[in-house]
């Protein structure tokens, strides 16, 4: 007696539903993800080197922040002359906007005390941004 065997079916996995699910997940994550920037302040932080201090350029503006968060603004040319003493960040932004800039875009050099609050420095950076100063650097003391 001869029995006929059923033809063997070819086993295959249909990938179409898997691809559909992957695309749906991709769309879901693209729609539900938010892209927030942490800050709008774009600054280039200087590198600290123990070799030699970089002298303050003639066109740079110097801002001194003491431990109590009080500002002293020295116009172009560094620490010479009478400082402008704004009482808050709005006055600082106004004073920075009124300073003569000359032909080049001056850098704002922030000299903050080691005990200065982070808030006072952030307010100074925001004031510089509102005044249109694009170049901001921080002065540091080289430890021996």
N, C-alpha and C. Protein backbone atom coordinates (compact mmCIF):
# COMPACT_ATOMS: atom_id res chain seq x y z
N UNK A 1 0.81 -1.15 0.00
CA UNK A 1 0.00 0.00 0.00
C UNK A 1 0.87 1.24 0.00
N UNK A 2 0.49 2.06 -0.85
CA UNK A 2 1.28 3.25 -1.05
C UNK A 2 0.51 4.45 -0.51
N UNK A 3 1.10 5.08 0.52
CA UNK A 3 0.47 6.27 1.09
C UNK A 3 1.13 7.49 0.47
N UNK A 4 0.30 8.43 0.15
CA UNK A 4 0.88 9.66 -0.39
C UNK A 4 1.11 10.65 0.76
N UNK A 5 2.28 11.17 0.77
CA UNK A 5 2.59 12.12 1.85
C UNK A 5 2.21 13.53 1.41
N UNK A 6 1.82 14.29 2.40
CA UNK A 6 1.44 15.68 2.09
C UNK A 6 2.70 16.47 1.76
N UNK A 7 2.62 17.30 0.80
CA UNK A 7 3.80 18.07 0.45
C UNK A 7 4.20 18.97 1.63
N UNK A 8 5.47 19.04 1.89
CA UNK A 8 5.97 19.86 3.00
C UNK A 8 5.83 21.34 2.66
N UNK A 9 5.22 22.05 3.59
CA UNK A 9 5.04 23.49 3.38
C UNK A 9 6.32 24.21 3.76
N UNK A 10 6.63 25.21 3.00
CA UNK A 10 7.83 25.99 3.28
C UNK A 10 7.53 26.93 4.44
N UNK A 11 8.41 26.88 5.45
CA UNK A 11 8.22 27.72 6.63
C UNK A 11 8.86 29.08 6.37
N UNK A 12 8.10 30.12 6.60
CA UNK A 12 8.64 31.47 6.41
C UNK A 12 7.98 32.41 7.42
N UNK A 13 8.70 33.44 7.73
CA UNK A 13 8.19 34.44 8.66
C UNK A 13 7.83 35.67 7.84
N UNK A 14 6.62 36.13 8.04
CA UNK A 14 6.16 37.33 7.34
C UNK A 14 6.63 38.55 8.12
N UNK A 15 7.50 39.36 7.53
CA UNK A 15 8.07 40.51 8.20
C UNK A 15 7.24 41.78 8.05
N UNK A 16 6.22 41.77 7.26
CA UNK A 16 5.42 42.97 7.03
C UNK A 16 4.80 43.51 8.32
N UNK A 17 4.16 42.69 9.17
CA UNK A 17 3.61 43.25 10.42
C UNK A 17 4.71 43.79 11.35
N UNK A 18 5.87 43.15 11.37
CA UNK A 18 6.97 43.63 12.21
C UNK A 18 7.45 45.01 11.76
N UNK A 19 7.59 45.20 10.46
CA UNK A 19 8.02 46.48 9.92
C UNK A 19 6.96 47.55 10.21
N UNK A 20 5.69 47.20 10.10
CA UNK A 20 4.63 48.15 10.42
C UNK A 20 4.70 48.61 11.88
N UNK A 21 4.92 47.68 12.78
CA UNK A 21 5.00 48.03 14.20
C UNK A 21 6.22 48.91 14.48
N UNK A 22 7.34 48.59 13.85
CA UNK A 22 8.55 49.40 14.05
C UNK A 22 8.32 50.82 13.56
N UNK A 23 7.70 50.98 12.41
CA UNK A 23 7.42 52.32 11.91
C UNK A 23 6.43 53.07 12.80
N UNK A 24 5.44 52.40 13.32
CA UNK A 24 4.50 53.04 14.24
C UNK A 24 5.20 53.49 15.52
N UNK A 25 6.09 52.66 16.05
CA UNK A 25 6.84 53.06 17.23
C UNK A 25 7.75 54.26 16.93
N UNK A 26 8.38 54.25 15.77
CA UNK A 26 9.24 55.35 15.38
C UNK A 26 8.45 56.65 15.29
N UNK A 27 7.29 56.60 14.68
CA UNK A 27 6.44 57.80 14.57
C UNK A 27 5.99 58.26 15.95
N UNK A 28 5.63 57.32 16.82
CA UNK A 28 5.20 57.67 18.17
C UNK A 28 6.31 58.40 18.93
N UNK A 29 7.53 57.87 18.88
CA UNK A 29 8.63 58.50 19.61
C UNK A 29 9.03 59.84 18.99
N UNK A 30 8.92 59.97 17.68
CA UNK A 30 9.24 61.24 17.05
C UNK A 30 8.23 62.32 17.44
N UNK A 31 6.97 61.96 17.54
CA UNK A 31 5.94 62.93 17.88
C UNK A 31 5.98 63.28 19.37
N UNK A 32 6.26 62.32 20.21
CA UNK A 32 6.18 62.56 21.66
C UNK A 32 7.46 63.12 22.26
N UNK A 33 8.56 63.15 21.52
CA UNK A 33 9.82 63.66 22.04
C UNK A 33 9.86 65.17 21.90
N UNK A 34 10.33 65.85 22.94
CA UNK A 34 10.52 67.30 22.87
C UNK A 34 12.01 67.59 22.84
N UNK A 35 12.36 68.59 22.09
CA UNK A 35 13.76 68.97 21.96
C UNK A 35 13.91 70.37 22.55
N UNK A 36 14.26 70.43 23.81
CA UNK A 36 14.46 71.72 24.49
C UNK A 36 15.94 71.96 24.67
N UNK A 37 16.33 73.20 24.46
CA UNK A 37 17.70 73.59 24.77
C UNK A 37 17.72 74.05 26.21
N UNK A 38 18.74 73.68 26.93
CA UNK A 38 18.84 74.05 28.34
C UNK A 38 19.05 75.55 28.52
N UNK A 39 19.76 76.16 27.61
CA UNK A 39 20.06 77.57 27.76
C UNK A 39 20.18 78.21 26.39
N UNK A 40 19.97 79.50 26.36
CA UNK A 40 20.16 80.25 25.12
C UNK A 40 21.48 80.98 25.10
N UNK A 41 22.24 80.88 26.17
CA UNK A 41 23.53 81.54 26.24
C UNK A 41 24.59 80.70 25.54
N UNK A 42 25.17 81.28 24.54
CA UNK A 42 26.22 80.57 23.82
C UNK A 42 27.55 81.25 24.16
N UNK A 43 28.34 80.57 24.95
CA UNK A 43 29.62 81.14 25.35
C UNK A 43 30.72 80.14 25.07
N UNK A 44 31.89 80.64 24.89
CA UNK A 44 33.07 79.80 24.72
C UNK A 44 33.90 79.92 25.98
N UNK A 45 33.95 78.88 26.75
CA UNK A 45 34.71 78.92 27.99
C UNK A 45 36.20 78.82 27.69
N UNK A 46 37.01 79.64 28.35
CA UNK A 46 38.44 79.60 28.09
C UNK A 46 39.09 78.40 28.75
N UNK A 47 40.20 77.99 28.19
CA UNK A 47 40.97 76.89 28.79
C UNK A 47 41.97 77.48 29.77
N UNK A 48 42.06 76.89 30.96
CA UNK A 48 43.01 77.37 31.96
C UNK A 48 44.34 76.66 31.74
N UNK A 49 45.39 77.43 31.68
CA UNK A 49 46.74 76.89 31.51
C UNK A 49 47.61 77.48 32.58
N UNK A 50 48.58 76.73 33.01
CA UNK A 50 49.46 77.21 34.08
C UNK A 50 50.69 77.91 33.52
N UNK A 51 50.77 78.10 32.21
CA UNK A 51 51.95 78.70 31.61
C UNK A 51 52.00 80.21 31.86
N UNK A 52 51.22 80.97 31.17
CA UNK A 52 51.25 82.42 31.31
C UNK A 52 49.84 82.95 31.22
N UNK A 53 49.58 84.00 31.95
CA UNK A 53 48.25 84.61 31.93
C UNK A 53 48.08 85.41 30.65
N UNK A 54 46.89 85.38 30.10
CA UNK A 54 46.57 86.13 28.90
C UNK A 54 46.24 87.56 29.32
N UNK A 55 46.98 88.56 28.85
CA UNK A 55 46.72 89.93 29.27
C UNK A 55 45.38 90.42 28.73
N UNK A 56 44.78 91.34 29.46
CA UNK A 56 43.52 91.93 29.06
C UNK A 56 43.75 92.83 27.85
N UNK A 57 43.02 92.58 26.77
CA UNK A 57 43.21 93.37 25.56
C UNK A 57 42.62 94.77 25.75
N UNK A 58 43.08 95.70 24.95
CA UNK A 58 42.64 97.08 25.06
C UNK A 58 41.16 97.25 24.76
N UNK A 59 40.59 96.40 23.92
CA UNK A 59 39.19 96.55 23.55
C UNK A 59 38.25 95.73 24.43
N UNK A 60 38.78 95.01 25.41
CA UNK A 60 37.94 94.17 26.26
C UNK A 60 37.25 94.99 27.34
N UNK A 61 36.07 94.52 27.75
CA UNK A 61 35.29 95.12 28.82
C UNK A 61 35.44 94.21 30.03
N UNK A 62 35.70 94.77 31.19
CA UNK A 62 35.91 93.97 32.39
C UNK A 62 34.72 94.14 33.33
N UNK A 63 34.19 93.02 33.82
CA UNK A 63 33.08 93.02 34.78
C UNK A 63 33.55 92.28 36.02
N UNK A 64 33.54 92.96 37.15
CA UNK A 64 33.95 92.36 38.41
C UNK A 64 32.69 92.10 39.24
N UNK A 65 32.57 90.88 39.76
CA UNK A 65 31.44 90.52 40.62
C UNK A 65 32.03 90.10 41.96
N UNK A 66 31.64 90.81 43.03
CA UNK A 66 32.20 90.48 44.33
C UNK A 66 31.39 89.37 45.00
N UNK A 67 31.78 88.99 46.20
CA UNK A 67 31.15 87.86 46.89
C UNK A 67 29.69 88.13 47.23
N UNK A 68 29.31 89.41 47.36
CA UNK A 68 27.92 89.75 47.66
C UNK A 68 27.06 89.87 46.41
N UNK A 69 27.65 89.67 45.24
CA UNK A 69 26.90 89.74 43.98
C UNK A 69 26.77 91.14 43.42
N UNK A 70 27.59 92.08 43.88
CA UNK A 70 27.57 93.44 43.37
C UNK A 70 28.47 93.54 42.14
N UNK A 71 28.05 94.35 41.17
CA UNK A 71 28.75 94.46 39.90
C UNK A 71 29.58 95.74 39.84
N UNK A 72 30.74 95.66 39.20
CA UNK A 72 31.54 96.82 38.83
C UNK A 72 31.96 96.61 37.38
N UNK A 73 31.57 97.54 36.54
CA UNK A 73 31.81 97.42 35.11
C UNK A 73 32.87 98.44 34.71
N UNK A 74 33.98 97.95 34.16
CA UNK A 74 35.05 98.80 33.66
C UNK A 74 34.94 98.84 32.14
N UNK A 75 34.77 100.03 31.57
CA UNK A 75 34.61 100.12 30.11
C UNK A 75 35.83 99.61 29.36
N UNK A 76 35.79 99.76 28.07
CA UNK A 76 36.85 99.26 27.19
C UNK A 76 38.21 99.74 27.68
N UNK A 77 39.13 98.81 27.82
CA UNK A 77 40.47 99.13 28.26
C UNK A 77 40.81 98.49 29.58
N UNK A 78 39.88 97.74 30.16
CA UNK A 78 40.22 96.98 31.35
C UNK A 78 39.89 97.67 32.65
N UNK A 79 40.80 97.55 33.63
CA UNK A 79 40.54 98.00 34.99
C UNK A 79 40.94 99.45 35.23
N UNK A 80 41.11 100.22 34.20
CA UNK A 80 41.49 101.61 34.40
C UNK A 80 40.24 102.48 34.38
N UNK A 81 40.31 103.61 35.05
CA UNK A 81 39.20 104.54 35.05
C UNK A 81 38.20 104.25 36.16
N UNK A 82 37.14 105.03 36.14
CA UNK A 82 36.10 104.91 37.14
C UNK A 82 35.11 103.83 36.71
N UNK A 83 34.81 102.89 37.60
CA UNK A 83 33.88 101.82 37.21
C UNK A 83 32.43 102.30 37.24
N UNK A 84 31.64 101.66 36.42
CA UNK A 84 30.18 101.85 36.46
C UNK A 84 29.67 100.80 37.43
N UNK A 85 28.80 101.21 38.36
CA UNK A 85 28.31 100.27 39.38
C UNK A 85 26.81 100.08 39.26
N UNK A 86 26.38 99.17 38.35
CA UNK A 86 24.96 98.89 38.24
C UNK A 86 24.46 98.13 39.48
N UNK A 87 23.22 98.39 39.87
CA UNK A 87 22.67 97.77 41.08
C UNK A 87 22.06 96.40 40.82
N UNK A 88 21.59 96.15 39.58
CA UNK A 88 20.98 94.85 39.28
C UNK A 88 21.29 94.48 37.83
N UNK A 89 20.76 93.34 37.41
CA UNK A 89 21.06 92.81 36.08
C UNK A 89 20.47 93.67 34.97
N UNK A 90 19.32 94.30 35.21
CA UNK A 90 18.73 95.16 34.19
C UNK A 90 19.59 96.40 33.95
N UNK A 91 20.07 97.00 35.03
CA UNK A 91 20.97 98.15 34.89
C UNK A 91 22.29 97.73 34.24
N UNK A 92 22.74 96.51 34.54
CA UNK A 92 23.97 96.00 33.92
C UNK A 92 23.79 95.84 32.42
N UNK A 93 22.66 95.28 31.99
CA UNK A 93 22.39 95.11 30.56
C UNK A 93 22.30 96.47 29.87
N UNK A 94 21.67 97.43 30.53
CA UNK A 94 21.57 98.77 29.96
C UNK A 94 22.94 99.43 29.84
N UNK A 95 23.76 99.28 30.88
CA UNK A 95 25.11 99.87 30.86
C UNK A 95 25.98 99.20 29.79
N UNK A 96 25.87 97.88 29.66
CA UNK A 96 26.64 97.18 28.62
C UNK A 96 26.20 97.61 27.23
N UNK A 97 24.91 97.85 27.04
CA UNK A 97 24.42 98.29 25.75
C UNK A 97 24.86 99.69 25.38
N UNK A 98 25.10 100.55 26.38
CA UNK A 98 25.51 101.93 26.13
C UNK A 98 27.01 102.08 25.90
N UNK A 99 27.79 101.08 26.23
CA UNK A 99 29.24 101.21 26.09
C UNK A 99 29.64 101.30 24.63
N UNK A 100 30.63 102.16 24.31
CA UNK A 100 31.11 102.21 22.93
C UNK A 100 31.85 100.92 22.58
N UNK A 101 31.62 100.45 21.38
CA UNK A 101 32.20 99.17 20.98
C UNK A 101 33.36 99.31 20.01
N UNK A 102 33.47 100.42 19.35
CA UNK A 102 34.55 100.59 18.39
C UNK A 102 34.31 99.75 17.14
N UNK A 103 35.37 99.51 16.39
CA UNK A 103 35.26 98.77 15.13
C UNK A 103 35.11 97.28 15.36
N UNK A 104 35.73 96.77 16.44
CA UNK A 104 35.66 95.32 16.67
C UNK A 104 34.65 95.02 17.76
N UNK A 105 34.25 93.77 17.83
CA UNK A 105 33.33 93.33 18.86
C UNK A 105 34.14 92.98 20.11
N UNK A 106 34.01 93.76 21.18
CA UNK A 106 34.85 93.50 22.35
C UNK A 106 34.39 92.26 23.11
N UNK A 107 35.30 91.72 23.88
CA UNK A 107 34.97 90.58 24.73
C UNK A 107 34.66 91.09 26.12
N UNK A 108 33.73 90.44 26.79
CA UNK A 108 33.42 90.74 28.18
C UNK A 108 34.18 89.75 29.04
N UNK A 109 35.07 90.27 29.88
CA UNK A 109 35.86 89.42 30.78
C UNK A 109 35.21 89.48 32.15
N UNK A 110 34.68 88.36 32.62
CA UNK A 110 34.03 88.30 33.93
C UNK A 110 35.03 87.84 34.96
N UNK A 111 35.22 88.67 35.98
CA UNK A 111 36.11 88.34 37.09
C UNK A 111 35.23 88.19 38.32
N UNK A 112 34.86 86.97 38.63
CA UNK A 112 33.97 86.71 39.75
C UNK A 112 34.76 86.18 40.94
N UNK A 113 34.38 86.62 42.12
CA UNK A 113 34.99 86.13 43.36
C UNK A 113 34.67 84.65 43.52
N UNK A 114 35.52 83.93 44.22
CA UNK A 114 35.29 82.48 44.41
C UNK A 114 34.02 82.21 45.19
N UNK A 115 33.58 83.16 46.01
CA UNK A 115 32.38 82.97 46.82
C UNK A 115 31.13 83.58 46.18
N UNK A 116 31.25 84.07 44.96
CA UNK A 116 30.10 84.66 44.27
C UNK A 116 29.06 83.58 43.99
N UNK A 117 27.79 83.96 44.15
CA UNK A 117 26.73 82.98 43.89
C UNK A 117 26.62 82.72 42.39
N UNK A 118 26.20 81.54 42.08
CA UNK A 118 26.00 81.14 40.69
C UNK A 118 24.96 82.04 40.03
N UNK A 119 23.96 82.45 40.79
CA UNK A 119 22.89 83.30 40.27
C UNK A 119 23.43 84.63 39.75
N UNK A 120 24.37 85.24 40.48
CA UNK A 120 24.92 86.53 40.06
C UNK A 120 25.68 86.40 38.74
N UNK A 121 26.39 85.30 38.54
CA UNK A 121 27.13 85.10 37.30
C UNK A 121 26.17 84.84 36.14
N UNK A 122 25.13 84.05 36.38
CA UNK A 122 24.15 83.77 35.32
C UNK A 122 23.42 85.05 34.92
N UNK A 123 23.07 85.90 35.89
CA UNK A 123 22.42 87.17 35.58
C UNK A 123 23.35 88.06 34.74
N UNK A 124 24.65 88.04 35.05
CA UNK A 124 25.61 88.81 34.26
C UNK A 124 25.71 88.27 32.83
N UNK A 125 25.71 86.95 32.68
CA UNK A 125 25.75 86.36 31.34
C UNK A 125 24.50 86.70 30.55
N UNK A 126 23.36 86.69 31.21
CA UNK A 126 22.11 87.04 30.53
C UNK A 126 22.11 88.51 30.14
N UNK A 127 22.63 89.37 31.00
CA UNK A 127 22.73 90.80 30.67
C UNK A 127 23.64 91.02 29.47
N UNK A 128 24.73 90.28 29.39
CA UNK A 128 25.64 90.39 28.25
C UNK A 128 24.95 89.94 26.96
N UNK A 129 24.16 88.88 27.05
CA UNK A 129 23.42 88.41 25.87
C UNK A 129 22.41 89.45 25.42
N UNK A 130 21.69 90.05 26.38
CA UNK A 130 20.70 91.07 26.03
C UNK A 130 21.35 92.32 25.45
N UNK A 131 22.59 92.62 25.86
CA UNK A 131 23.30 93.78 25.34
C UNK A 131 23.95 93.51 23.98
N UNK A 132 23.93 92.27 23.55
CA UNK A 132 24.47 91.93 22.24
C UNK A 132 25.94 91.57 22.23
N UNK A 133 26.51 91.29 23.40
CA UNK A 133 27.91 90.88 23.44
C UNK A 133 28.00 89.38 23.18
N UNK A 134 28.71 89.01 22.14
CA UNK A 134 28.79 87.60 21.74
C UNK A 134 29.99 86.89 22.36
N UNK A 135 31.03 87.64 22.69
CA UNK A 135 32.26 87.04 23.22
C UNK A 135 32.33 87.27 24.72
N UNK A 136 32.27 86.20 25.50
CA UNK A 136 32.35 86.27 26.95
C UNK A 136 33.42 85.30 27.42
N UNK A 137 34.31 85.77 28.28
CA UNK A 137 35.34 84.91 28.86
C UNK A 137 35.36 85.10 30.36
N UNK A 138 35.99 84.18 31.05
CA UNK A 138 36.10 84.21 32.50
C UNK A 138 37.57 84.30 32.87
N UNK A 139 37.86 85.18 33.82
CA UNK A 139 39.23 85.30 34.31
C UNK A 139 39.41 84.32 35.46
N UNK A 140 40.56 83.71 35.53
CA UNK A 140 40.86 82.77 36.60
C UNK A 140 42.26 83.04 37.11
N UNK A 141 42.46 82.71 38.37
CA UNK A 141 43.77 82.86 38.97
C UNK A 141 44.51 81.54 38.84
N UNK A 142 45.75 81.59 38.43
CA UNK A 142 46.55 80.39 38.26
C UNK A 142 47.08 79.99 39.63
N UNK A 143 46.80 78.77 40.02
CA UNK A 143 47.29 78.29 41.32
C UNK A 143 48.74 77.85 41.19
N UNK A 144 49.50 78.09 42.23
CA UNK A 144 50.93 77.77 42.21
C UNK A 144 51.17 76.35 42.65
